[in-house]
Amino acid sequence: MKSNEFTIDYHLRSTWLAVQKMFNEQAAQFNSTMVMGFTLLSIDPKSGTPSTSLGPKMGIEPTSLSRTLKNLEERGLIARKPNPEDGRSVLIILTDEGLKMRDVSKQVVLKFNEAINEKITAEEMSIFLKVIQKVNSITSDKKLFNKNKEPQF
């Protein structure tokens, strides 16, 4: 099978794995991971973020988020405080060190975006984003696999 014959999921997966590897290599220089950096970027730097909204915001499972938050807390990058708005939930707050690491993560993401924008024209990016939006729309179609008949295995 030639590379252009691979299915779309192959191209999506291999591209994402390459991006993930690149971000993890950068994060490793700071004894961190891509997920830790993404978590720091997902926390509001001024007012913090309710722990219950982080998982959905990031698109990760609660157990994975819990493990990541525990790791960030042990490293002194975040703190948990009662949410003053409801008293029951917990706010995740960035510490001074967490704010520094968040800035490092932000710079890495911006550098990658800058490199992409240097190599990909505005027209190509527009087409790419339209295609990605369509792919996302297709993947969220709950009837996708029930339209005609059950798959034959």
N, C-alpha and C. Protein backbone atom coordinates (compact mmCIF):
# COMPACT_ATOMS: atom_id res chain seq x y z
N MET A 1 0.84 -1.18 0.00
CA MET A 1 0.00 0.00 0.00
C MET A 1 0.89 1.24 0.00
N LYS A 2 0.66 2.14 -0.95
CA LYS A 2 1.42 3.38 -1.03
C LYS A 2 0.94 4.34 0.06
N SER A 3 1.82 5.28 0.45
CA SER A 3 1.48 6.19 1.55
C SER A 3 0.22 7.00 1.27
N ASN A 4 -0.04 7.34 0.01
CA ASN A 4 -1.24 8.12 -0.28
C ASN A 4 -2.50 7.26 -0.27
N GLU A 5 -2.34 5.95 -0.11
CA GLU A 5 -3.49 5.05 -0.04
C GLU A 5 -3.92 4.79 1.40
N PHE A 6 -3.15 5.22 2.37
CA PHE A 6 -3.53 5.01 3.77
C PHE A 6 -4.83 5.73 4.07
N THR A 7 -5.54 5.24 5.04
CA THR A 7 -6.81 5.86 5.41
C THR A 7 -6.57 7.16 6.17
N ILE A 8 -7.61 7.99 6.23
CA ILE A 8 -7.49 9.30 6.88
C ILE A 8 -7.07 9.16 8.34
N ASP A 9 -7.57 8.11 9.01
CA ASP A 9 -7.20 7.95 10.42
C ASP A 9 -5.70 7.72 10.57
N TYR A 10 -5.07 7.06 9.60
CA TYR A 10 -3.62 6.87 9.65
C TYR A 10 -2.91 8.23 9.62
N HIS A 11 -3.31 9.09 8.71
CA HIS A 11 -2.67 10.41 8.58
C HIS A 11 -2.91 11.27 9.83
N LEU A 12 -4.13 11.24 10.34
CA LEU A 12 -4.43 11.99 11.57
C LEU A 12 -3.59 11.48 12.74
N ARG A 13 -3.57 10.16 12.90
CA ARG A 13 -2.85 9.56 14.03
C ARG A 13 -1.34 9.79 13.92
N SER A 14 -0.78 9.55 12.74
CA SER A 14 0.68 9.70 12.61
C SER A 14 1.10 11.16 12.78
N THR A 15 0.28 12.09 12.29
CA THR A 15 0.60 13.51 12.46
C THR A 15 0.51 13.89 13.93
N TRP A 16 -0.57 13.46 14.60
CA TRP A 16 -0.72 13.79 16.02
C TRP A 16 0.42 13.19 16.83
N LEU A 17 0.82 11.95 16.53
CA LEU A 17 1.92 11.33 17.27
C LEU A 17 3.22 12.11 17.07
N ALA A 18 3.45 12.62 15.87
CA ALA A 18 4.65 13.41 15.61
C ALA A 18 4.62 14.72 16.39
N VAL A 19 3.46 15.38 16.43
CA VAL A 19 3.31 16.62 17.19
C VAL A 19 3.48 16.35 18.68
N GLN A 20 2.86 15.28 19.15
CA GLN A 20 2.96 14.91 20.56
C GLN A 20 4.41 14.62 20.94
N LYS A 21 5.12 13.90 20.08
CA LYS A 21 6.53 13.58 20.34
C LYS A 21 7.36 14.86 20.42
N MET A 22 7.12 15.79 19.50
CA MET A 22 7.85 17.05 19.49
C MET A 22 7.61 17.83 20.79
N PHE A 23 6.33 17.95 21.20
CA PHE A 23 6.02 18.67 22.43
C PHE A 23 6.60 17.96 23.66
N ASN A 24 6.54 16.63 23.68
CA ASN A 24 7.11 15.90 24.82
C ASN A 24 8.62 16.05 24.90
N GLU A 25 9.29 16.11 23.75
CA GLU A 25 10.74 16.34 23.75
C GLU A 25 11.07 17.70 24.34
N GLN A 26 10.28 18.71 23.99
CA GLN A 26 10.50 20.04 24.55
C GLN A 26 10.21 20.05 26.05
N ALA A 27 9.11 19.42 26.44
CA ALA A 27 8.71 19.39 27.85
C ALA A 27 9.74 18.64 28.70
N ALA A 28 10.35 17.61 28.13
CA ALA A 28 11.33 16.81 28.86
C ALA A 28 12.53 17.65 29.31
N GLN A 29 12.82 18.71 28.57
CA GLN A 29 13.92 19.60 28.96
C GLN A 29 13.64 20.31 30.28
N PHE A 30 12.36 20.30 30.68
CA PHE A 30 11.95 20.94 31.93
C PHE A 30 11.38 19.92 32.91
N ASN A 31 11.77 18.64 32.67
CA ASN A 31 11.30 17.54 33.52
C ASN A 31 9.77 17.52 33.57
N SER A 32 9.16 17.69 32.40
CA SER A 32 7.71 17.78 32.31
C SER A 32 7.22 16.92 31.15
N THR A 33 5.92 16.99 30.89
CA THR A 33 5.31 16.29 29.77
C THR A 33 4.40 17.25 29.02
N MET A 34 4.01 16.85 27.82
CA MET A 34 3.09 17.66 27.04
C MET A 34 1.77 17.84 27.79
N VAL A 35 1.27 16.78 28.41
CA VAL A 35 -0.01 16.86 29.13
C VAL A 35 0.09 17.83 30.30
N MET A 36 1.21 17.83 30.98
CA MET A 36 1.39 18.78 32.09
C MET A 36 1.38 20.21 31.56
N GLY A 37 2.07 20.46 30.45
CA GLY A 37 2.08 21.79 29.86
C GLY A 37 0.69 22.21 29.40
N PHE A 38 -0.03 21.28 28.77
CA PHE A 38 -1.38 21.56 28.30
C PHE A 38 -2.30 21.88 29.48
N THR A 39 -2.11 21.17 30.58
CA THR A 39 -2.91 21.43 31.78
C THR A 39 -2.63 22.83 32.31
N LEU A 40 -1.36 23.19 32.41
CA LEU A 40 -1.01 24.53 32.89
C LEU A 40 -1.61 25.61 31.99
N LEU A 41 -1.62 25.37 30.68
CA LEU A 41 -2.19 26.33 29.75
C LEU A 41 -3.72 26.41 29.86
N SER A 42 -4.33 25.37 30.37
CA SER A 42 -5.79 25.32 30.49
C SER A 42 -6.30 25.97 31.77
N ILE A 43 -5.39 26.29 32.68
CA ILE A 43 -5.77 26.92 33.95
C ILE A 43 -5.69 28.43 33.80
N ASP A 44 -6.76 29.13 34.18
CA ASP A 44 -6.78 30.59 34.10
C ASP A 44 -5.67 31.14 34.99
N PRO A 45 -4.72 31.89 34.41
CA PRO A 45 -3.56 32.35 35.20
C PRO A 45 -3.90 33.37 36.29
N LYS A 46 -5.03 34.04 36.17
CA LYS A 46 -5.38 35.06 37.16
C LYS A 46 -6.32 34.54 38.24
N SER A 47 -7.40 33.88 37.83
CA SER A 47 -8.41 33.49 38.81
C SER A 47 -8.48 32.00 39.08
N GLY A 48 -7.66 31.21 38.39
CA GLY A 48 -7.73 29.76 38.57
C GLY A 48 -8.90 29.19 37.78
N THR A 49 -9.03 27.87 37.84
CA THR A 49 -10.08 27.17 37.10
C THR A 49 -10.68 26.10 37.98
N PRO A 50 -12.01 25.99 38.01
CA PRO A 50 -12.63 24.91 38.79
C PRO A 50 -12.15 23.55 38.27
N SER A 51 -11.80 22.66 39.18
CA SER A 51 -11.28 21.35 38.78
C SER A 51 -12.29 20.59 37.93
N THR A 52 -13.58 20.78 38.20
CA THR A 52 -14.61 20.05 37.45
C THR A 52 -14.71 20.49 36.00
N SER A 53 -14.25 21.68 35.67
CA SER A 53 -14.34 22.14 34.28
C SER A 53 -13.06 21.85 33.48
N LEU A 54 -11.99 21.46 34.16
CA LEU A 54 -10.73 21.21 33.45
C LEU A 54 -10.80 20.00 32.52
N GLY A 55 -11.33 18.89 33.01
CA GLY A 55 -11.40 17.67 32.19
C GLY A 55 -12.14 17.89 30.89
N PRO A 56 -13.39 18.40 30.95
CA PRO A 56 -14.11 18.66 29.71
C PRO A 56 -13.41 19.68 28.81
N LYS A 57 -12.81 20.69 29.42
CA LYS A 57 -12.11 21.73 28.66
C LYS A 57 -10.93 21.12 27.89
N MET A 58 -10.25 20.16 28.52
CA MET A 58 -9.07 19.56 27.92
C MET A 58 -9.39 18.31 27.11
N GLY A 59 -10.58 17.75 27.32
CA GLY A 59 -10.95 16.53 26.61
C GLY A 59 -10.25 15.30 27.14
N ILE A 60 -9.98 15.26 28.45
CA ILE A 60 -9.34 14.08 29.03
C ILE A 60 -10.21 13.51 30.15
N GLU A 61 -10.00 12.24 30.41
CA GLU A 61 -10.77 11.52 31.42
C GLU A 61 -10.41 12.00 32.82
N PRO A 62 -11.38 11.93 33.75
CA PRO A 62 -11.13 12.37 35.12
C PRO A 62 -9.94 11.68 35.80
N THR A 63 -9.76 10.37 35.56
CA THR A 63 -8.64 9.68 36.22
C THR A 63 -7.29 10.19 35.71
N SER A 64 -7.20 10.45 34.41
CA SER A 64 -5.96 11.00 33.85
C SER A 64 -5.71 12.40 34.38
N LEU A 65 -6.77 13.21 34.44
CA LEU A 65 -6.63 14.57 34.95
C LEU A 65 -6.21 14.55 36.42
N SER A 66 -6.82 13.68 37.19
CA SER A 66 -6.50 13.58 38.62
C SER A 66 -5.03 13.26 38.83
N ARG A 67 -4.52 12.32 38.04
CA ARG A 67 -3.10 11.94 38.13
C ARG A 67 -2.20 13.11 37.75
N THR A 68 -2.57 13.83 36.69
CA THR A 68 -1.78 14.98 36.24
C THR A 68 -1.79 16.09 37.29
N LEU A 69 -2.97 16.38 37.85
CA LEU A 69 -3.07 17.43 38.87
C LEU A 69 -2.26 17.07 40.11
N LYS A 70 -2.29 15.80 40.49
CA LYS A 70 -1.51 15.34 41.65
C LYS A 70 -0.02 15.58 41.39
N ASN A 71 0.43 15.23 40.20
CA ASN A 71 1.83 15.41 39.82
C ASN A 71 2.21 16.90 39.83
N LEU A 72 1.34 17.75 39.27
CA LEU A 72 1.61 19.19 39.24
C LEU A 72 1.65 19.77 40.65
N GLU A 73 0.76 19.27 41.51
CA GLU A 73 0.71 19.75 42.90
C GLU A 73 1.97 19.32 43.65
N GLU A 74 2.40 18.08 43.45
CA GLU A 74 3.62 17.59 44.11
C GLU A 74 4.85 18.39 43.67
N ARG A 75 4.84 18.89 42.46
CA ARG A 75 5.97 19.69 41.94
C ARG A 75 5.86 21.17 42.33
N GLY A 76 4.78 21.51 43.01
CA GLY A 76 4.60 22.90 43.45
C GLY A 76 4.17 23.85 42.35
N LEU A 77 3.56 23.31 41.29
CA LEU A 77 3.14 24.15 40.17
C LEU A 77 1.70 24.62 40.29
N ILE A 78 0.90 23.89 41.06
CA ILE A 78 -0.50 24.28 41.28
C ILE A 78 -0.83 24.12 42.76
N ALA A 79 -1.92 24.75 43.16
CA ALA A 79 -2.48 24.57 44.50
C ALA A 79 -3.99 24.43 44.35
N ARG A 80 -4.59 23.72 45.28
CA ARG A 80 -6.05 23.56 45.28
C ARG A 80 -6.62 24.43 46.39
N LYS A 81 -7.65 25.21 46.04
CA LYS A 81 -8.29 26.08 47.02
C LYS A 81 -9.80 25.95 46.88
N PRO A 82 -10.53 26.10 47.99
CA PRO A 82 -12.00 26.05 47.89
C PRO A 82 -12.50 27.15 46.95
N ASN A 83 -13.49 26.80 46.14
CA ASN A 83 -14.08 27.78 45.23
C ASN A 83 -14.97 28.73 46.01
N PRO A 84 -14.64 30.02 46.06
CA PRO A 84 -15.43 30.96 46.85
C PRO A 84 -16.86 31.16 46.31
N GLU A 85 -17.09 30.77 45.06
CA GLU A 85 -18.42 30.96 44.47
C GLU A 85 -19.43 29.93 44.94
N ASP A 86 -18.98 28.70 45.22
CA ASP A 86 -19.96 27.70 45.66
C ASP A 86 -19.56 26.95 46.93
N GLY A 87 -18.31 27.06 47.33
CA GLY A 87 -17.87 26.45 48.57
C GLY A 87 -17.68 24.95 48.52
N ARG A 88 -18.23 24.28 47.51
CA ARG A 88 -18.09 22.82 47.44
C ARG A 88 -16.99 22.39 46.48
N SER A 89 -16.88 23.08 45.36
CA SER A 89 -15.88 22.67 44.38
C SER A 89 -14.51 23.27 44.72
N VAL A 90 -13.53 22.83 43.96
CA VAL A 90 -12.15 23.24 44.21
C VAL A 90 -11.64 24.02 43.00
N LEU A 91 -10.94 25.11 43.29
CA LEU A 91 -10.27 25.88 42.25
C LEU A 91 -8.83 25.41 42.14
N ILE A 92 -8.36 25.24 40.92
CA ILE A 92 -6.96 24.93 40.67
C ILE A 92 -6.28 26.27 40.36
N ILE A 93 -5.31 26.61 41.20
CA ILE A 93 -4.60 27.88 41.09
C ILE A 93 -3.14 27.61 40.71
N LEU A 94 -2.61 28.43 39.82
CA LEU A 94 -1.19 28.32 39.48
C LEU A 94 -0.35 29.01 40.54
N THR A 95 0.71 28.34 40.98
CA THR A 95 1.66 28.96 41.90
C THR A 95 2.59 29.86 41.07
N ASP A 96 3.48 30.58 41.73
CA ASP A 96 4.45 31.41 41.00
C ASP A 96 5.27 30.55 40.05
N GLU A 97 5.69 29.37 40.55
CA GLU A 97 6.47 28.46 39.70
C GLU A 97 5.60 27.92 38.56
N GLY A 98 4.34 27.66 38.85
CA GLY A 98 3.40 27.20 37.83
C GLY A 98 3.19 28.23 36.74
N LEU A 99 3.13 29.50 37.14
CA LEU A 99 2.99 30.58 36.15
C LEU A 99 4.21 30.63 35.24
N LYS A 100 5.40 30.41 35.81
CA LYS A 100 6.63 30.40 34.99
C LYS A 100 6.59 29.25 33.99
N MET A 101 6.20 28.06 34.48
CA MET A 101 6.15 26.89 33.60
C MET A 101 5.04 27.04 32.55
N ARG A 102 3.95 27.69 32.92
CA ARG A 102 2.87 27.96 31.97
C ARG A 102 3.41 28.84 30.84
N ASP A 103 4.21 29.84 31.20
CA ASP A 103 4.79 30.73 30.20
C ASP A 103 5.73 29.96 29.27
N VAL A 104 6.52 29.05 29.84
CA VAL A 104 7.40 28.22 29.01
C VAL A 104 6.56 27.41 28.02
N SER A 105 5.49 26.79 28.52
CA SER A 105 4.61 26.00 27.66
C SER A 105 4.01 26.86 26.55
N LYS A 106 3.59 28.04 26.92
CA LYS A 106 2.98 28.96 25.95
C LYS A 106 3.99 29.33 24.86
N GLN A 107 5.24 29.59 25.25
CA GLN A 107 6.26 29.95 24.28
C GLN A 107 6.54 28.81 23.30
N VAL A 108 6.53 27.57 23.80
CA VAL A 108 6.74 26.41 22.93
C VAL A 108 5.61 26.30 21.91
N VAL A 109 4.38 26.46 22.37
CA VAL A 109 3.22 26.39 21.47
C VAL A 109 3.28 27.51 20.43
N LEU A 110 3.60 28.71 20.87
CA LEU A 110 3.69 29.84 19.94
C LEU A 110 4.80 29.65 18.91
N LYS A 111 5.93 29.09 19.35
CA LYS A 111 7.05 28.82 18.44
C LYS A 111 6.64 27.81 17.37
N PHE A 112 5.92 26.77 17.78
CA PHE A 112 5.44 25.77 16.82
C PHE A 112 4.47 26.42 15.83
N ASN A 113 3.55 27.23 16.32
CA ASN A 113 2.59 27.90 15.44
C ASN A 113 3.30 28.84 14.47
N GLU A 114 4.33 29.51 14.95
CA GLU A 114 5.12 30.39 14.10
C GLU A 114 5.78 29.60 12.98
N ALA A 115 6.35 28.44 13.32
CA ALA A 115 7.00 27.59 12.32
C ALA A 115 5.98 27.10 11.28
N ILE A 116 4.79 26.73 11.74
CA ILE A 116 3.74 26.29 10.82
C ILE A 116 3.36 27.44 9.87
N ASN A 117 3.16 28.62 10.44
CA ASN A 117 2.74 29.77 9.63
C ASN A 117 3.81 30.21 8.63
N GLU A 118 5.08 29.90 8.92
CA GLU A 118 6.15 30.22 7.98
C GLU A 118 6.15 29.27 6.79
N LYS A 119 5.69 28.04 6.99
CA LYS A 119 5.76 27.01 5.95
C LYS A 119 4.44 26.77 5.23
N ILE A 120 3.34 27.22 5.82
CA ILE A 120 2.01 26.96 5.25
C ILE A 120 1.35 28.30 4.95
N THR A 121 0.88 28.44 3.72
CA THR A 121 0.25 29.70 3.33
C THR A 121 -1.10 29.87 4.04
N ALA A 122 -1.57 31.10 4.04
CA ALA A 122 -2.88 31.40 4.66
C ALA A 122 -3.98 30.61 3.96
N GLU A 123 -3.88 30.48 2.64
CA GLU A 123 -4.89 29.73 1.89
C GLU A 123 -4.86 28.24 2.28
N GLU A 124 -3.65 27.67 2.37
CA GLU A 124 -3.53 26.26 2.78
C GLU A 124 -4.09 26.06 4.19
N MET A 125 -3.79 27.00 5.08
CA MET A 125 -4.28 26.89 6.46
C MET A 125 -5.80 26.97 6.50
N SER A 126 -6.36 27.84 5.70
CA SER A 126 -7.82 27.97 5.65
C SER A 126 -8.46 26.66 5.19
N ILE A 127 -7.91 26.06 4.16
CA ILE A 127 -8.42 24.78 3.66
C ILE A 127 -8.25 23.70 4.72
N PHE A 128 -7.08 23.65 5.34
CA PHE A 128 -6.81 22.66 6.39
C PHE A 128 -7.83 22.77 7.52
N LEU A 129 -8.08 24.00 7.98
CA LEU A 129 -9.02 24.20 9.09
C LEU A 129 -10.44 23.81 8.70
N LYS A 130 -10.82 24.08 7.45
CA LYS A 130 -12.15 23.66 6.98
C LYS A 130 -12.26 22.14 6.98
N VAL A 131 -11.22 21.48 6.52
CA VAL A 131 -11.22 20.01 6.49
C VAL A 131 -11.28 19.45 7.91
N ILE A 132 -10.47 19.99 8.81
CA ILE A 132 -10.47 19.53 10.21
C ILE A 132 -11.85 19.73 10.84
N GLN A 133 -12.47 20.86 10.56
CA GLN A 133 -13.82 21.11 11.10
C GLN A 133 -14.82 20.08 10.58
N LYS A 134 -14.70 19.73 9.30
CA LYS A 134 -15.59 18.71 8.73
C LYS A 134 -15.32 17.34 9.36
N VAL A 135 -14.05 17.01 9.54
CA VAL A 135 -13.71 15.73 10.18
C VAL A 135 -14.29 15.69 11.59
N ASN A 136 -14.14 16.77 12.34
CA ASN A 136 -14.71 16.83 13.70
C ASN A 136 -16.22 16.68 13.67
N SER A 137 -16.86 17.29 12.71
CA SER A 137 -18.31 17.18 12.58
C SER A 137 -18.72 15.73 12.29
N ILE A 138 -17.99 15.09 11.40
CA ILE A 138 -18.29 13.69 11.06
C ILE A 138 -18.10 12.79 12.27
N THR A 139 -17.03 13.02 13.03
CA THR A 139 -16.78 12.15 14.19
C THR A 139 -17.80 12.33 15.29
N SER A 140 -18.47 13.46 15.34
CA SER A 140 -19.48 13.66 16.38
C SER A 140 -20.88 13.26 15.92
N ASP A 141 -21.00 12.74 14.71
CA ASP A 141 -22.28 12.26 14.20
C ASP A 141 -22.56 10.89 14.82
N LYS A 142 -23.47 10.86 15.77
CA LYS A 142 -23.78 9.62 16.51
C LYS A 142 -24.43 8.57 15.61
N LYS A 143 -24.97 8.98 14.47
CA LYS A 143 -25.63 8.05 13.56
C LYS A 143 -24.69 7.50 12.50
N LEU A 144 -23.44 7.90 12.54
CA LEU A 144 -22.46 7.55 11.51
C LEU A 144 -22.45 6.06 11.20
N PHE A 145 -22.42 5.23 12.21
CA PHE A 145 -22.29 3.80 11.99
C PHE A 145 -23.63 3.08 11.98
N ASN A 146 -24.71 3.79 12.09
CA ASN A 146 -26.04 3.17 12.09
C ASN A 146 -26.86 3.55 10.87
N LYS A 147 -26.26 4.19 9.89
CA LYS A 147 -27.03 4.71 8.76
C LYS A 147 -27.62 3.62 7.87
N ASN A 148 -26.82 2.67 7.46
CA ASN A 148 -27.32 1.67 6.51
C ASN A 148 -27.54 0.32 7.15
N LYS A 149 -26.46 -0.26 7.58
CA LYS A 149 -26.55 -1.58 8.20
C LYS A 149 -25.38 -1.77 9.14
N GLU A 150 -25.46 -2.79 9.91
CA GLU A 150 -24.38 -3.10 10.85
C GLU A 150 -23.15 -3.54 10.07
N PRO A 151 -21.96 -3.19 10.56
CA PRO A 151 -20.73 -3.64 9.87
C PRO A 151 -20.61 -5.16 9.94
N GLN A 152 -20.05 -5.70 8.90
CA GLN A 152 -19.84 -7.15 8.83
C GLN A 152 -18.43 -7.47 9.28
N PHE A 153 -18.30 -8.28 10.32
CA PHE A 153 -16.97 -8.67 10.83
C PHE A 153 -16.71 -10.12 10.55
